[in-house]
C-alpha cells in the first residue's frame, strides 16, 4: 500500500484490489476502488453501506433472528481516508433487536449513521405466506452499458469494483433493471457475504433510473433504507429501479431487490435535486 496526500486528507491507492484495508481494531482505510461519481475525494454510498452491513452481521445475535430493515443516514461526504467504525446492539431481545452503527473520520466527525432491526423469522404454514415474485431475467442475459457520467477520477466503485449487467434500461432515461456483482473483496482478505453485496448494490437505484442529465443536475441521496423480506443468497443482486421527482423538486428512488431465486426486499432513497 502506498499513500498520497489529497488536500488535507490521506487516501490509500488501489494495490490489493479491495475496497477497504483493515487497520487498527475498528479502523479501515478506504481505497480508490470505493470512489463515488460526484467527488474524487469521497466514497460511493454503496461502499459505506456495505461496510456498515458487515459490522451489523458481526454483532452478537439470538438464533432465529434476521435483518428486516437497515437505514443509513449519509450525513457528510465520506472521505477516501482512514475511518473509524463502531456498531452495537442498543436494544437486545429474543424477538426484536435494534442495532446502531456509525462511520467517522479520525478527528471524530461522524459521516454515516445507521440503524437496523433484527426480527424473529416467522414459521408459518406455506398456504399463509405471500407468493414470491420471480426474479427478472438473469445476469447471463444482461449486458454492460457505459455510464452516463464522466468519472471524476479513476478508479471508481463503478465500474472498477462493481459490475452491472442491465436487462432493461440503462444509466438514465427512466426505469431500469440490472444485476450487480462486487468483483473485489469489500475488506482485504475476507470473503464477501450476500448481505454485503446487497448493501453495495442497493445504493445504485437513483443512478441507474435517473430522469435527469448527470452533467446538468445533482440527484444525491442523503439516505438509504433497505427492507428485507429474507436474506439474499448468491453472488448477484438485482435492482428493478425507478425515480420519481415531484413538482417541488424533491425526488425518491424506489428499487425492488432480487437474488436469482426471487424478490428479497425493497430499497428507498430520498434525493436532493439541484442544478449543478
Protein backbone atom coordinates (compact mmCIF):
# COMPACT_ATOMS: atom_id res chain seq x y z
CA UNK A 1 0.00 0.00 0.00
CA UNK A 2 1.19 3.47 -0.76
CA UNK A 3 -0.44 6.69 0.40
CA UNK A 4 -1.00 10.01 -1.34
CA UNK A 5 -1.91 13.41 0.04
CA UNK A 6 -5.17 14.78 -1.37
CA UNK A 7 -5.72 18.26 0.01
CA UNK A 8 -5.53 17.69 3.75
CA UNK A 9 -6.78 14.08 3.52
CA UNK A 10 -4.73 10.93 3.18
CA UNK A 11 -6.03 8.49 0.58
CA UNK A 12 -4.96 4.91 0.04
CA UNK A 13 -4.27 3.90 -3.54
CA UNK A 14 -5.61 0.70 -5.09
CA UNK A 15 -2.99 -2.04 -4.64
CA UNK A 16 -4.54 -5.23 -3.27
CA UNK A 17 -7.86 -4.89 -5.09
CA UNK A 18 -10.16 -4.40 -2.11
CA UNK A 19 -12.49 -1.53 -1.25
CA UNK A 20 -11.18 -1.24 2.33
CA UNK A 21 -7.96 -2.22 4.08
CA UNK A 22 -8.19 -3.15 7.78
CA UNK A 23 -6.06 -1.10 10.16
CA UNK A 24 -6.17 -0.97 13.97
CA UNK A 25 -9.25 -2.53 15.57
CA UNK A 26 -12.33 -0.73 14.30
CA UNK A 27 -10.39 1.26 11.70
CA UNK A 28 -10.47 0.81 7.92
CA UNK A 29 -8.61 2.65 5.18
CA UNK A 30 -10.70 3.32 2.07
CA UNK A 31 -9.04 2.61 -1.26
CA UNK A 32 -9.72 4.36 -4.54
CA UNK A 33 -11.94 1.42 -5.56
CA UNK A 34 -14.63 2.93 -3.30
CA UNK A 35 -14.64 6.34 -5.03
CA UNK A 36 -18.06 7.74 -5.94
CA UNK A 37 -19.23 9.65 -9.05
CA UNK A 38 -19.71 13.11 -7.50
CA UNK A 39 -16.42 13.94 -5.74
CA UNK A 40 -12.96 12.46 -6.49
CA UNK A 41 -12.14 12.50 -2.77
CA UNK A 42 -15.37 10.88 -1.49
CA UNK A 43 -16.68 7.33 -1.34
CA UNK A 44 -19.69 5.90 -3.13
CA UNK A 45 -22.61 5.37 -0.75
CA UNK A 46 -22.66 1.67 -1.57
CA UNK A 47 -19.14 1.20 -0.22
CA UNK A 48 -20.01 2.75 3.14
CA UNK A 49 -23.35 0.89 3.30
CA UNK A 50 -21.64 -2.46 2.72
CA UNK A 51 -19.01 -1.81 5.42
CA UNK A 52 -21.70 -0.98 8.00
CA UNK A 53 -23.69 -4.06 6.92
CA UNK A 54 -20.58 -6.13 7.64
CA UNK A 55 -20.42 -4.60 11.12
CA UNK A 56 -24.09 -5.47 11.78
CA UNK A 57 -23.52 -9.05 10.63
CA UNK A 58 -20.72 -9.44 13.17
CA UNK A 59 -22.74 -8.27 16.19
CA UNK A 60 -23.95 -10.99 18.58
CA UNK A 61 -27.44 -12.25 17.83
CA UNK A 62 -30.11 -14.67 19.02
CA UNK A 63 -30.71 -17.75 16.89
CA UNK A 64 -33.68 -17.29 14.59
CA UNK A 65 -33.36 -13.51 14.09
CA UNK A 66 -32.79 -11.93 10.67
CA UNK A 67 -32.19 -8.38 9.50
CA UNK A 68 -35.51 -6.86 8.43
CA UNK A 69 -34.57 -3.20 7.99
CA UNK A 70 -31.40 -1.14 7.68
CA UNK A 71 -31.48 2.67 7.41
CA UNK A 72 -28.41 4.71 6.54
CA UNK A 73 -28.15 8.46 7.12
CA UNK A 74 -25.40 9.77 4.83
CA UNK A 75 -24.56 12.83 6.90
CA UNK A 76 -21.48 14.09 5.04
CA UNK A 77 -19.29 13.00 2.13
CA UNK A 78 -17.23 10.01 3.28
CA UNK A 79 -13.57 10.75 2.53
CA UNK A 80 -11.10 8.39 0.89
CA UNK A 81 -9.22 8.13 4.14
CA UNK A 82 -8.86 6.02 7.25
CA UNK A 83 -12.21 5.71 9.01
CA UNK A 84 -13.40 4.63 12.43
CA UNK A 85 -16.25 2.10 12.52
CA UNK A 86 -18.47 1.40 15.54
CA UNK A 87 -21.52 -0.84 15.92
CA UNK A 88 -23.52 -2.14 18.85
CA UNK A 89 -26.76 -3.80 19.91
CA UNK A 90 -28.68 -0.99 21.64
CA UNK A 91 -31.88 -2.93 22.32
CA UNK A 92 -31.37 -6.65 22.88
CA UNK A 93 -34.32 -9.02 22.64
CA UNK A 94 -35.41 -12.52 21.72
CA UNK A 95 -37.88 -11.37 19.04
CA UNK A 96 -36.67 -7.88 18.05
CA UNK A 97 -33.24 -6.28 18.33
CA UNK A 98 -32.19 -2.72 17.49
CA UNK A 99 -28.66 -2.16 16.20
CA UNK A 100 -26.74 1.08 15.68
CA UNK A 101 -23.54 1.81 13.81
CA UNK A 102 -21.54 4.76 12.54
CA UNK A 103 -18.57 5.71 10.40
CA UNK A 104 -16.42 8.66 11.44
CA UNK A 105 -13.21 10.35 10.38
CA UNK A 106 -10.18 10.10 12.65
CA UNK A 107 -10.95 13.53 14.12
CA UNK A 108 -14.31 12.19 15.32
CA UNK A 109 -16.57 13.72 12.65
CA UNK A 110 -19.48 11.35 12.05
CA UNK A 111 -20.09 10.83 8.32
CA UNK A 112 -22.59 7.94 8.20
CA UNK A 113 -25.07 6.77 10.83
CA UNK A 114 -27.04 3.52 10.53
CA UNK A 115 -29.77 1.71 12.45
CA UNK A 116 -31.02 -1.80 11.84
CA UNK A 117 -33.76 -4.11 13.09
CA UNK A 118 -33.38 -7.82 13.57
CA UNK A 119 -36.72 -9.65 13.76
CA UNK A 120 -37.51 -13.27 14.57
CA UNK A 121 -38.25 -15.26 11.44
CA UNK A 122 -41.85 -16.40 11.03
CA UNK A 123 -42.68 -20.10 10.96
CA UNK A 124 -45.97 -20.22 9.06
CA UNK A 125 -47.89 -22.71 7.01
CA UNK A 126 -46.85 -22.09 3.36
CA UNK A 127 -50.51 -21.54 2.46
CA UNK A 128 -50.45 -18.41 4.66
CA UNK A 129 -47.41 -16.81 3.02
CA UNK A 130 -47.21 -14.46 0.04
CA UNK A 131 -46.06 -15.90 -3.26
CA UNK A 132 -42.55 -14.66 -4.06
CA UNK A 133 -42.39 -12.76 -7.38
CA UNK A 134 -39.94 -14.36 -9.82
CA UNK A 135 -36.65 -12.56 -10.49
CA UNK A 136 -36.01 -10.63 -13.70
CA UNK A 137 -34.10 -12.39 -16.48
CA UNK A 138 -30.76 -13.43 -15.01
CA UNK A 139 -27.38 -11.72 -15.24
CA UNK A 140 -26.31 -14.10 -18.01
CA UNK A 141 -28.90 -12.39 -20.24
CA UNK A 142 -27.80 -8.86 -19.36
CA UNK A 143 -25.22 -6.58 -20.89
CA UNK A 144 -22.79 -4.00 -19.61
CA UNK A 145 -23.57 -0.44 -20.62
CA UNK A 146 -21.40 2.67 -20.30
CA UNK A 147 -22.20 5.16 -17.55
CA UNK A 148 -23.96 8.41 -18.40
CA UNK A 149 -21.33 10.38 -16.50
CA UNK A 150 -17.63 11.07 -16.67
CA UNK A 151 -15.86 9.72 -13.61
CA UNK A 152 -14.13 12.46 -11.59
CA UNK A 153 -11.02 10.29 -11.38
CA UNK A 154 -10.14 6.63 -11.92
CA UNK A 155 -10.57 4.05 -10.46
CA UNK A 156 -14.13 4.34 -9.13
CA UNK A 157 -16.57 1.99 -7.37
CA UNK A 158 -18.32 1.51 -10.70
CA UNK A 159 -17.00 0.08 -12.96
CA UNK A 160 -13.73 -0.92 -11.26
CA UNK A 161 -15.11 -2.64 -8.14
CA UNK A 162 -18.68 -3.49 -9.09
CA UNK A 163 -20.08 -4.97 -12.29
CA UNK A 164 -23.55 -4.12 -13.63
CA UNK A 165 -25.40 -6.16 -16.26
CA UNK A 166 -28.57 -4.46 -17.48
CA UNK A 167 -31.57 -6.46 -18.62
CA UNK A 168 -33.65 -3.33 -19.29
CA UNK A 169 -32.90 0.38 -19.38
CA UNK A 170 -29.50 1.78 -18.52
CA UNK A 171 -27.92 4.82 -16.93
CA UNK A 172 -30.60 7.47 -17.23
CA UNK A 173 -33.83 7.68 -19.15
CA UNK A 174 -36.16 6.25 -16.54
CA UNK A 175 -36.84 2.83 -15.01
CA UNK A 176 -34.02 0.31 -15.30
CA UNK A 177 -33.30 -3.24 -14.17
CA UNK A 178 -29.79 -4.57 -13.67
CA UNK A 179 -27.78 -7.23 -11.87
CA UNK A 180 -24.89 -6.19 -9.62
CA UNK A 181 -21.81 -8.12 -8.55
CA UNK A 182 -18.93 -6.84 -6.41
CA UNK A 183 -15.81 -8.06 -8.23
CA UNK A 184 -13.33 -7.45 -5.40
CA UNK A 185 -13.38 -8.07 -1.63
CA UNK A 186 -15.07 -5.44 0.47
CA UNK A 187 -12.36 -5.82 3.12
CA UNK A 188 -8.98 -7.19 2.05
CA UNK A 189 -8.53 -10.86 2.92
CA UNK A 190 -12.23 -11.51 3.63
CA UNK A 191 -14.99 -13.39 1.83
CA UNK A 192 -17.86 -11.14 0.74
CA UNK A 193 -21.31 -12.01 2.13
CA UNK A 194 -24.60 -11.80 0.18
CA UNK A 195 -25.85 -9.09 2.56
CA UNK A 196 -22.75 -7.00 1.85
CA UNK A 197 -23.37 -7.47 -1.88
CA UNK A 198 -26.95 -6.31 -1.36
CA UNK A 199 -25.95 -3.16 0.55
CA UNK A 200 -23.32 -2.26 -2.05
CA UNK A 201 -25.80 -2.60 -4.91
CA UNK A 202 -28.89 -1.03 -3.33
CA UNK A 203 -27.41 2.49 -3.36
CA UNK A 204 -27.42 2.47 -7.19
CA UNK A 205 -31.19 2.82 -7.62
CA UNK A 206 -31.11 6.58 -8.24
CA UNK A 207 -28.09 6.26 -10.52
CA UNK A 208 -29.48 3.72 -12.96
CA UNK A 209 -33.05 5.10 -13.14
CA UNK A 210 -32.44 8.84 -13.14
CA UNK A 211 -34.62 11.11 -15.24
CA UNK A 212 -32.10 13.97 -15.14
CA UNK A 213 -28.92 14.72 -17.04
CA UNK A 214 -25.78 13.94 -15.00
CA UNK A 215 -23.95 16.97 -16.38
CA UNK A 216 -26.72 19.44 -15.53
CA UNK A 217 -28.14 18.19 -12.23
CA UNK A 218 -27.26 16.64 -8.90
CA UNK A 219 -29.56 13.89 -7.57
CA UNK A 220 -27.71 12.80 -4.46
CA UNK A 221 -29.34 10.55 -1.86
CA UNK A 222 -28.69 11.64 1.75
CA UNK A 223 -30.24 8.38 2.96
CA UNK A 224 -30.87 4.76 2.04
CA UNK A 225 -33.33 2.33 3.64
CA UNK A 226 -33.41 -1.39 2.95
CA UNK A 227 -36.42 -3.56 3.81
CA UNK A 228 -35.58 -7.26 3.66
CA UNK A 229 -38.20 -9.97 3.16
CA UNK A 230 -35.42 -12.51 3.64
CA UNK A 231 -31.66 -12.68 3.47
CA UNK A 232 -30.25 -12.93 -0.06
CA UNK A 233 -28.23 -15.84 -1.41
CA UNK A 234 -25.64 -15.98 -4.16
CA UNK A 235 -23.25 -13.50 -5.73
CA UNK A 236 -25.67 -11.38 -7.79
CA UNK A 237 -28.18 -8.76 -6.63
CA UNK A 238 -30.89 -7.48 -8.96
CA UNK A 239 -32.36 -3.96 -8.83
CA UNK A 240 -35.63 -3.01 -10.54
CA UNK A 241 -35.39 0.74 -10.05
CA UNK A 242 -37.43 3.83 -10.79
CA UNK A 243 -37.04 7.50 -9.86
CA UNK A 244 -39.92 9.84 -9.02
CA UNK A 245 -39.46 13.64 -8.97
CA UNK A 246 -42.19 15.85 -7.53
CA UNK A 247 -43.09 19.32 -8.78
CA UNK A 248 -41.41 20.70 -5.65
CA UNK A 249 -38.08 19.25 -6.73
CA UNK A 250 -37.71 16.51 -4.13
CA UNK A 251 -37.03 13.08 -5.56
CA UNK A 252 -37.46 9.48 -4.46
CA UNK A 253 -35.83 6.39 -5.88
CA UNK A 254 -37.54 3.04 -5.33
CA UNK A 255 -35.92 -0.31 -6.08
CA UNK A 256 -37.22 -3.84 -5.76
CA UNK A 257 -34.32 -6.09 -4.74
CA UNK A 258 -33.81 -9.61 -6.06
CA UNK A 259 -31.45 -12.53 -5.90
CA UNK A 260 -31.64 -15.27 -8.51
CA UNK A 261 -34.36 -17.06 -6.51
CA UNK A 262 -36.77 -14.12 -6.44
CA UNK A 263 -37.64 -10.96 -4.56
CA UNK A 264 -35.52 -10.16 -1.49
CA UNK A 265 -36.93 -6.78 -0.46
CA UNK A 266 -37.02 -3.10 -1.34
CA UNK A 267 -34.69 -0.08 -1.20
CA UNK A 268 -35.81 3.55 -0.82
CA UNK A 269 -33.77 6.72 -1.28
CA UNK A 270 -34.69 10.37 -0.77
CA UNK A 271 -32.99 12.56 -3.38
CA UNK A 272 -31.52 16.03 -3.15
CA UNK A 273 -32.26 17.52 -6.58
CA UNK A 274 -30.29 20.60 -7.63
CA UNK A 275 -28.77 22.17 -10.73
CA UNK A 276 -25.01 21.89 -10.96
